[in-house]
């Protein structure tokens, strides 16, 4: 399996080296699996990953701290890769991923490889390179939570999912967060070599193969701060009695249901029902962060009379049960530094 790791101006050395190392570590484990593991896993014979770091001209590139990133190949090479991956990069003076000539050349090269059948993946700000390549137009994707609004403005045709840890559509994988190259690598291994090899890679690296949604780390209501309508709707939902519906929300906002649906779809790519659920669950997370809060009380405060419906909605959005979230939150907040 041949993996290309793209290096552009501002690429993070740690992410590029980390990606390469994780595939190398996986190779070592494939050759000599830890005792007791080989019998449990179905591993294709002779499987190995080869990584190549690729830049526009094949020359080393400086990372944001002035260290050189070694490079193996250039974009002029005609090699065929099973996957092409882009990592995070330094932001410009405006706090945004730069759109340099290096990035444009990378976007064109990645688009060409995708058309040749390669899988394509990007982590953190590297998702902007895929956006520049027009590969995310009309496709569901994600990016780092604090770049969400900037991403939507720059690539309005992309269907960016708020707070998602990882998204895949049509052989294109995107992840969020500067360290999410780990999630990207494990997901790509799973797609290229199967779940058993991905489990081996995760276990040998002591990495979590189940990524938590980014919304856990973002300020509650962050995605709604871009538009007064979203902020107003959020407040109505948080202070309303149980049983909020799209019809009631539209009426409270002096809008028709059809207009509300269109506005929410354009602003956050959500239906009114999904918007209502997200606001309720984000509120639940805030309440569960409070010591002593009971899950039943939180469910009621967030408009759920049915505990089962609350737990189902919570798990679907947060990726864990309310009990597990409360335990995770308590451990995170009480961790000594």
Protein backbone atom coordinates (compact mmCIF):
# COMPACT_ATOMS: atom_id res chain seq x y z
CA UNK A 1 0.00 0.00 0.00
CA UNK A 2 1.57 3.27 -1.14
CA UNK A 3 0.75 6.37 0.90
CA UNK A 4 1.66 9.92 -0.16
CA UNK A 5 1.95 12.55 2.58
CA UNK A 6 1.71 16.05 1.15
CA UNK A 7 4.05 18.78 2.41
CA UNK A 8 3.23 22.43 1.69
CA UNK A 9 4.49 25.72 3.09
CA UNK A 10 3.52 25.82 6.76
CA UNK A 11 2.92 22.06 7.14
CA UNK A 12 3.51 20.78 10.67
CA UNK A 13 6.59 18.59 10.92
CA UNK A 14 5.11 16.64 13.85
CA UNK A 15 2.02 15.66 11.87
CA UNK A 16 3.93 14.58 8.77
CA UNK A 17 6.50 12.63 10.77
CA UNK A 18 3.77 11.21 12.98
CA UNK A 19 1.78 9.91 10.03
CA UNK A 20 4.87 8.30 8.56
CA UNK A 21 5.80 6.78 11.92
CA UNK A 22 2.34 5.35 12.55
CA UNK A 23 2.36 3.50 9.22
CA UNK A 24 5.93 2.32 9.97
CA UNK A 25 4.92 1.09 13.43
CA UNK A 26 2.02 -0.76 11.83
CA UNK A 27 4.46 -2.44 9.43
CA UNK A 28 6.56 -3.68 12.36
CA UNK A 29 3.47 -5.08 14.05
CA UNK A 30 2.38 -6.78 10.83
CA UNK A 31 5.75 -8.52 10.55
CA UNK A 32 5.84 -9.69 14.16
CA UNK A 33 2.45 -9.28 15.89
CA UNK A 34 2.54 -9.20 19.70
CA UNK A 35 2.15 -12.60 21.32
CA UNK A 36 -1.44 -13.78 21.27
CA UNK A 37 -2.59 -11.20 18.71
CA UNK A 38 -1.84 -13.02 15.46
CA UNK A 39 -4.42 -15.74 16.14
CA UNK A 40 -7.17 -13.21 16.77
CA UNK A 41 -6.64 -11.11 13.65
CA UNK A 42 -7.14 -11.75 9.95
CA UNK A 43 -4.12 -10.13 8.30
CA UNK A 44 -3.50 -10.32 4.52
CA UNK A 45 -0.12 -11.99 3.87
CA UNK A 46 2.67 -9.71 2.68
CA UNK A 47 0.75 -6.52 3.56
CA UNK A 48 2.94 -3.46 4.13
CA UNK A 49 2.62 0.31 3.91
CA UNK A 50 5.11 2.50 2.07
CA UNK A 51 4.98 6.23 2.81
CA UNK A 52 6.43 8.96 0.64
CA UNK A 53 6.55 12.65 1.60
CA UNK A 54 5.75 14.72 -1.49
CA UNK A 55 6.16 18.44 -2.21
CA UNK A 56 5.71 20.58 -5.32
CA UNK A 57 9.36 20.48 -6.42
CA UNK A 58 10.66 17.57 -4.36
CA UNK A 59 12.77 19.89 -2.20
CA UNK A 60 12.64 20.00 1.63
CA UNK A 61 10.16 22.50 3.10
CA UNK A 62 10.43 24.56 6.27
CA UNK A 63 7.84 24.00 8.96
CA UNK A 64 6.44 27.02 10.93
CA UNK A 65 9.35 26.79 13.41
CA UNK A 66 12.01 26.84 10.70
CA UNK A 67 12.83 23.12 10.84
CA UNK A 68 13.24 21.26 7.57
CA UNK A 69 10.67 18.67 6.53
CA UNK A 70 12.43 15.96 4.48
CA UNK A 71 10.82 15.21 1.12
CA UNK A 72 10.99 12.06 -1.04
CA UNK A 73 9.16 12.97 -4.27
CA UNK A 74 7.71 15.87 -6.23
CA UNK A 75 4.31 16.48 -7.79
CA UNK A 76 5.88 15.83 -11.20
CA UNK A 77 6.34 12.12 -10.42
CA UNK A 78 3.83 9.83 -12.13
CA UNK A 79 3.67 7.29 -9.30
CA UNK A 80 0.26 5.90 -8.39
CA UNK A 81 -0.71 6.05 -4.70
CA UNK A 82 -3.39 4.16 -2.83
CA UNK A 83 -3.97 7.20 -0.62
CA UNK A 84 -2.90 10.84 -0.54
CA UNK A 85 -2.99 12.57 2.86
CA UNK A 86 -2.69 16.23 3.93
CA UNK A 87 -1.96 17.27 7.52
CA UNK A 88 -2.46 20.49 9.44
CA UNK A 89 -0.54 23.67 8.74
CA UNK A 90 0.29 27.01 10.32
CA UNK A 91 -2.31 29.78 9.98
CA UNK A 92 -1.66 33.17 8.42
CA UNK A 93 -1.77 36.58 10.13
CA UNK A 94 -5.59 36.52 9.93
CA UNK A 95 -5.78 33.18 11.73
CA UNK A 96 -6.74 31.32 8.55
CA UNK A 97 -5.07 28.57 6.51
CA UNK A 98 -3.02 30.30 3.79
CA UNK A 99 -3.85 29.91 0.11
CA UNK A 100 -0.27 30.05 -1.21
CA UNK A 101 1.05 28.87 -4.55
CA UNK A 102 2.33 25.78 -2.74
CA UNK A 103 -1.22 24.98 -1.56
CA UNK A 104 -2.70 25.55 -5.03
CA UNK A 105 -0.18 23.20 -6.61
CA UNK A 106 -0.94 20.60 -3.95
CA UNK A 107 -4.68 20.98 -4.58
CA UNK A 108 -4.25 20.35 -8.29
CA UNK A 109 -2.00 17.34 -7.67
CA UNK A 110 -4.40 15.84 -5.11
CA UNK A 111 -7.34 16.32 -7.48
CA UNK A 112 -5.40 14.50 -10.22
CA UNK A 113 -4.62 11.58 -7.90
CA UNK A 114 -8.24 11.37 -6.81
CA UNK A 115 -9.33 11.15 -10.44
CA UNK A 116 -6.86 8.28 -10.86
CA UNK A 117 -8.60 6.32 -8.09
CA UNK A 118 -6.63 7.27 -4.96
CA UNK A 119 -8.25 7.70 -1.59
CA UNK A 120 -7.79 11.25 -0.32
CA UNK A 121 -7.66 12.40 3.29
CA UNK A 122 -6.99 15.59 5.23
CA UNK A 123 -6.66 16.53 8.89
CA UNK A 124 -7.21 19.88 10.60
CA UNK A 125 -6.38 22.84 8.32
CA UNK A 126 -5.35 20.39 5.62
CA UNK A 127 -9.07 20.11 4.84
CA UNK A 128 -8.78 23.57 3.25
CA UNK A 129 -6.44 22.08 0.64
CA UNK A 130 -9.15 19.60 -0.34
CA UNK A 131 -11.62 22.46 -0.46
CA UNK A 132 -9.29 24.37 -2.78
CA UNK A 133 -9.20 21.26 -4.99
CA UNK A 134 -13.05 21.41 -5.20
CA UNK A 135 -13.17 17.85 -3.90
CA UNK A 136 -15.53 18.77 -1.07
CA UNK A 137 -18.15 20.51 -3.19
CA UNK A 138 -21.47 18.81 -2.53
CA UNK A 139 -19.84 16.36 -0.11
CA UNK A 140 -20.13 15.93 3.63
CA UNK A 141 -16.90 16.80 5.44
CA UNK A 142 -15.49 18.20 8.67
CA UNK A 143 -12.68 20.46 9.82
CA UNK A 144 -11.29 21.74 13.11
CA UNK A 145 -14.13 23.22 15.17
CA UNK A 146 -12.52 26.66 15.51
CA UNK A 147 -12.11 26.86 11.71
CA UNK A 148 -15.70 25.78 11.02
CA UNK A 149 -17.07 29.23 10.21
CA UNK A 150 -14.06 30.22 8.08
CA UNK A 151 -14.33 26.94 6.18
CA UNK A 152 -18.01 27.53 5.38
CA UNK A 153 -17.29 31.04 4.14
CA UNK A 154 -14.44 29.93 1.89
CA UNK A 155 -16.12 26.78 0.56
CA UNK A 156 -19.88 27.38 0.59
CA UNK A 157 -20.58 24.36 -1.64
CA UNK A 158 -19.10 21.92 0.90
CA UNK A 159 -21.44 20.25 3.40
CA UNK A 160 -19.34 20.74 6.51
CA UNK A 161 -20.68 18.86 9.55
CA UNK A 162 -20.43 20.83 12.76
CA UNK A 163 -18.37 19.19 15.47
CA UNK A 164 -17.85 15.86 13.71
CA UNK A 165 -14.57 14.07 14.45
CA UNK A 166 -14.39 12.31 11.09
CA UNK A 167 -16.39 12.26 7.86
CA UNK A 168 -16.08 10.05 4.80
CA UNK A 169 -17.78 10.27 1.42
CA UNK A 170 -16.74 9.04 -2.02
CA UNK A 171 -13.19 7.97 -1.02
CA UNK A 172 -12.58 11.33 0.71
CA UNK A 173 -11.89 11.41 4.46
CA UNK A 174 -11.66 14.54 6.61
CA UNK A 175 -10.86 14.88 10.31
CA UNK A 176 -10.68 17.80 12.74
CA UNK A 177 -8.05 18.93 15.21
CA UNK A 178 -4.25 19.36 14.95
CA UNK A 179 -3.70 15.84 16.32
CA UNK A 180 -6.47 14.22 14.30
CA UNK A 181 -3.91 12.87 11.83
CA UNK A 182 -4.00 9.82 14.14
CA UNK A 183 -7.73 9.38 13.43
CA UNK A 184 -7.05 9.95 9.73
CA UNK A 185 -4.32 7.30 9.61
CA UNK A 186 -6.35 4.67 11.50
CA UNK A 187 -9.42 5.31 9.34
CA UNK A 188 -7.35 5.04 6.16
CA UNK A 189 -5.76 1.79 7.36
CA UNK A 190 -9.24 0.43 8.04
CA UNK A 191 -10.40 1.33 4.53
CA UNK A 192 -7.28 0.06 2.74
CA UNK A 193 -6.43 -3.04 4.79
CA UNK A 194 -9.51 -3.91 6.85
CA UNK A 195 -10.70 -3.55 10.46
CA UNK A 196 -8.30 -6.15 11.89
CA UNK A 197 -5.23 -4.30 10.66
CA UNK A 198 -6.70 -1.00 11.90
CA UNK A 199 -7.26 -2.59 15.33
CA UNK A 200 -3.68 -3.84 15.35
CA UNK A 201 -2.42 -0.35 14.45
CA UNK A 202 -4.55 1.26 17.18
CA UNK A 203 -3.60 -1.28 19.84
CA UNK A 204 0.12 -1.23 19.10
CA UNK A 205 0.09 2.58 19.07
CA UNK A 206 -2.10 2.75 22.20
CA UNK A 207 -4.45 5.04 20.26
CA UNK A 208 -8.22 5.27 20.57
CA UNK A 209 -9.86 4.01 17.38
CA UNK A 210 -13.21 5.52 18.42
CA UNK A 211 -12.94 9.30 18.05
CA UNK A 212 -15.07 11.60 20.19
CA UNK A 213 -17.04 14.38 18.46
CA UNK A 214 -15.27 17.74 18.41
CA UNK A 215 -18.38 19.42 19.80
CA UNK A 216 -17.30 18.11 23.22
CA UNK A 217 -14.32 20.47 23.15
CA UNK A 218 -15.98 23.52 21.59
CA UNK A 219 -17.79 26.20 23.61
CA UNK A 220 -21.47 25.32 23.85
CA UNK A 221 -23.47 27.15 21.20
CA UNK A 222 -20.32 28.14 19.27
CA UNK A 223 -21.80 27.21 15.89
CA UNK A 224 -24.79 29.51 16.51
CA UNK A 225 -22.74 32.67 17.06
CA UNK A 226 -22.56 33.55 13.36
CA UNK A 227 -26.16 34.68 12.92
CA UNK A 228 -28.74 36.49 15.12
CA UNK A 229 -31.47 34.08 14.00
CA UNK A 230 -29.51 31.12 15.37
CA UNK A 231 -28.87 32.86 18.68
CA UNK A 232 -32.54 33.83 19.01
CA UNK A 233 -33.71 30.32 18.16
CA UNK A 234 -31.26 28.86 20.66
CA UNK A 235 -32.60 31.01 23.48
CA UNK A 236 -36.21 30.15 22.61
CA UNK A 237 -35.46 26.42 22.73
CA UNK A 238 -33.52 26.63 25.99
CA UNK A 239 -36.31 28.46 27.80
CA UNK A 240 -39.29 26.70 26.24
CA UNK A 241 -41.51 24.08 27.80
CA UNK A 242 -41.11 20.40 26.73
CA UNK A 243 -42.46 19.46 23.34
CA UNK A 244 -40.81 22.11 21.17
CA UNK A 245 -41.61 21.50 17.50
CA UNK A 246 -40.53 23.08 14.22
CA UNK A 247 -43.98 24.68 13.97
CA UNK A 248 -43.72 26.29 17.42
CA UNK A 249 -40.17 27.46 16.81
CA UNK A 250 -41.11 29.03 13.47
CA UNK A 251 -44.05 30.81 15.08
CA UNK A 252 -41.87 32.15 17.91
CA UNK A 253 -39.44 33.51 15.30
CA UNK A 254 -42.27 35.00 13.19
CA UNK A 255 -41.32 32.78 10.26
CA UNK A 256 -43.10 30.17 8.21
CA UNK A 257 -41.97 26.58 8.70
CA UNK A 258 -40.71 26.51 5.13
CA UNK A 259 -38.64 29.67 5.64
CA UNK A 260 -37.23 28.36 8.93
CA UNK A 261 -36.24 25.11 7.26
CA UNK A 262 -34.52 26.95 4.42
CA UNK A 263 -32.70 29.38 6.73
CA UNK A 264 -31.40 26.63 9.03
CA UNK A 265 -30.35 24.50 6.10
CA UNK A 266 -28.36 27.40 4.65
CA UNK A 267 -26.84 28.50 7.96
CA UNK A 268 -25.98 25.21 9.72
CA UNK A 269 -27.06 22.50 7.28
CA UNK A 270 -29.62 21.20 9.79
CA UNK A 271 -33.36 20.64 9.77
CA UNK A 272 -35.38 22.43 12.49
CA UNK A 273 -35.75 19.11 14.32
CA UNK A 274 -31.99 18.47 14.23
CA UNK A 275 -31.30 22.05 15.35
CA UNK A 276 -33.69 21.70 18.29
CA UNK A 277 -32.07 18.40 19.30
CA UNK A 278 -28.55 19.80 19.08
CA UNK A 279 -29.37 22.83 21.24
CA UNK A 280 -31.04 20.60 23.82
CA UNK A 281 -28.13 18.17 23.97
CA UNK A 282 -25.54 20.99 24.13
CA UNK A 283 -27.54 22.39 27.06
CA UNK A 284 -27.57 18.94 28.64
CA UNK A 285 -23.79 18.77 28.40
CA UNK A 286 -23.49 22.09 30.25
CA UNK A 287 -25.84 20.89 32.98
CA UNK A 288 -24.10 17.53 33.31
CA UNK A 289 -20.80 19.38 33.82
CA UNK A 290 -22.26 20.66 37.10
CA UNK A 291 -21.38 18.45 40.10
CA UNK A 292 -24.39 16.66 41.55
CA UNK A 293 -26.66 17.04 38.53
CA UNK A 294 -28.84 13.98 38.00
CA UNK A 295 -29.50 12.68 34.50
CA UNK A 296 -33.27 12.60 35.03
CA UNK A 297 -33.32 16.24 36.16
CA UNK A 298 -31.13 17.27 33.21
CA UNK A 299 -33.39 15.44 30.76
CA UNK A 300 -36.44 17.24 32.12
CA UNK A 301 -34.72 20.65 32.06
CA UNK A 302 -33.81 20.10 28.42
CA UNK A 303 -37.36 19.34 27.36
CA UNK A 304 -37.38 15.53 27.53
CA UNK A 305 -40.16 13.81 29.45
CA UNK A 306 -38.94 10.42 28.25
CA UNK A 307 -35.56 9.33 29.66
CA UNK A 308 -35.10 6.78 26.89
CA UNK A 309 -35.59 9.38 24.16
CA UNK A 310 -33.11 11.68 25.93
CA UNK A 311 -30.46 8.96 26.28
CA UNK A 312 -30.88 7.93 22.64
CA UNK A 313 -30.58 11.51 21.33
CA UNK A 314 -27.62 12.20 23.63
CA UNK A 315 -25.68 9.10 22.56
CA UNK A 316 -26.36 9.75 18.88
CA UNK A 317 -24.99 13.31 19.04
CA UNK A 318 -22.24 13.00 21.66
CA UNK A 319 -21.04 9.48 20.93
CA UNK A 320 -21.51 8.22 24.50
CA UNK A 321 -24.28 7.82 27.05
CA UNK A 322 -25.09 10.62 29.53
CA UNK A 323 -23.58 8.49 32.31
CA UNK A 324 -20.35 7.99 30.38
CA UNK A 325 -20.25 11.68 29.46
CA UNK A 326 -20.63 12.74 33.08
CA UNK A 327 -17.80 10.39 34.06
CA UNK A 328 -15.64 11.70 31.18
CA UNK A 329 -16.38 15.32 32.11
CA UNK A 330 -15.63 14.79 35.79
CA UNK A 331 -12.33 13.07 35.01
CA UNK A 332 -11.36 15.80 32.56
CA UNK A 333 -12.21 18.65 34.91
CA UNK A 334 -10.58 17.08 37.97
CA UNK A 335 -7.38 15.99 36.23
CA UNK A 336 -4.31 17.46 38.01
CA UNK A 337 -1.93 19.62 35.99
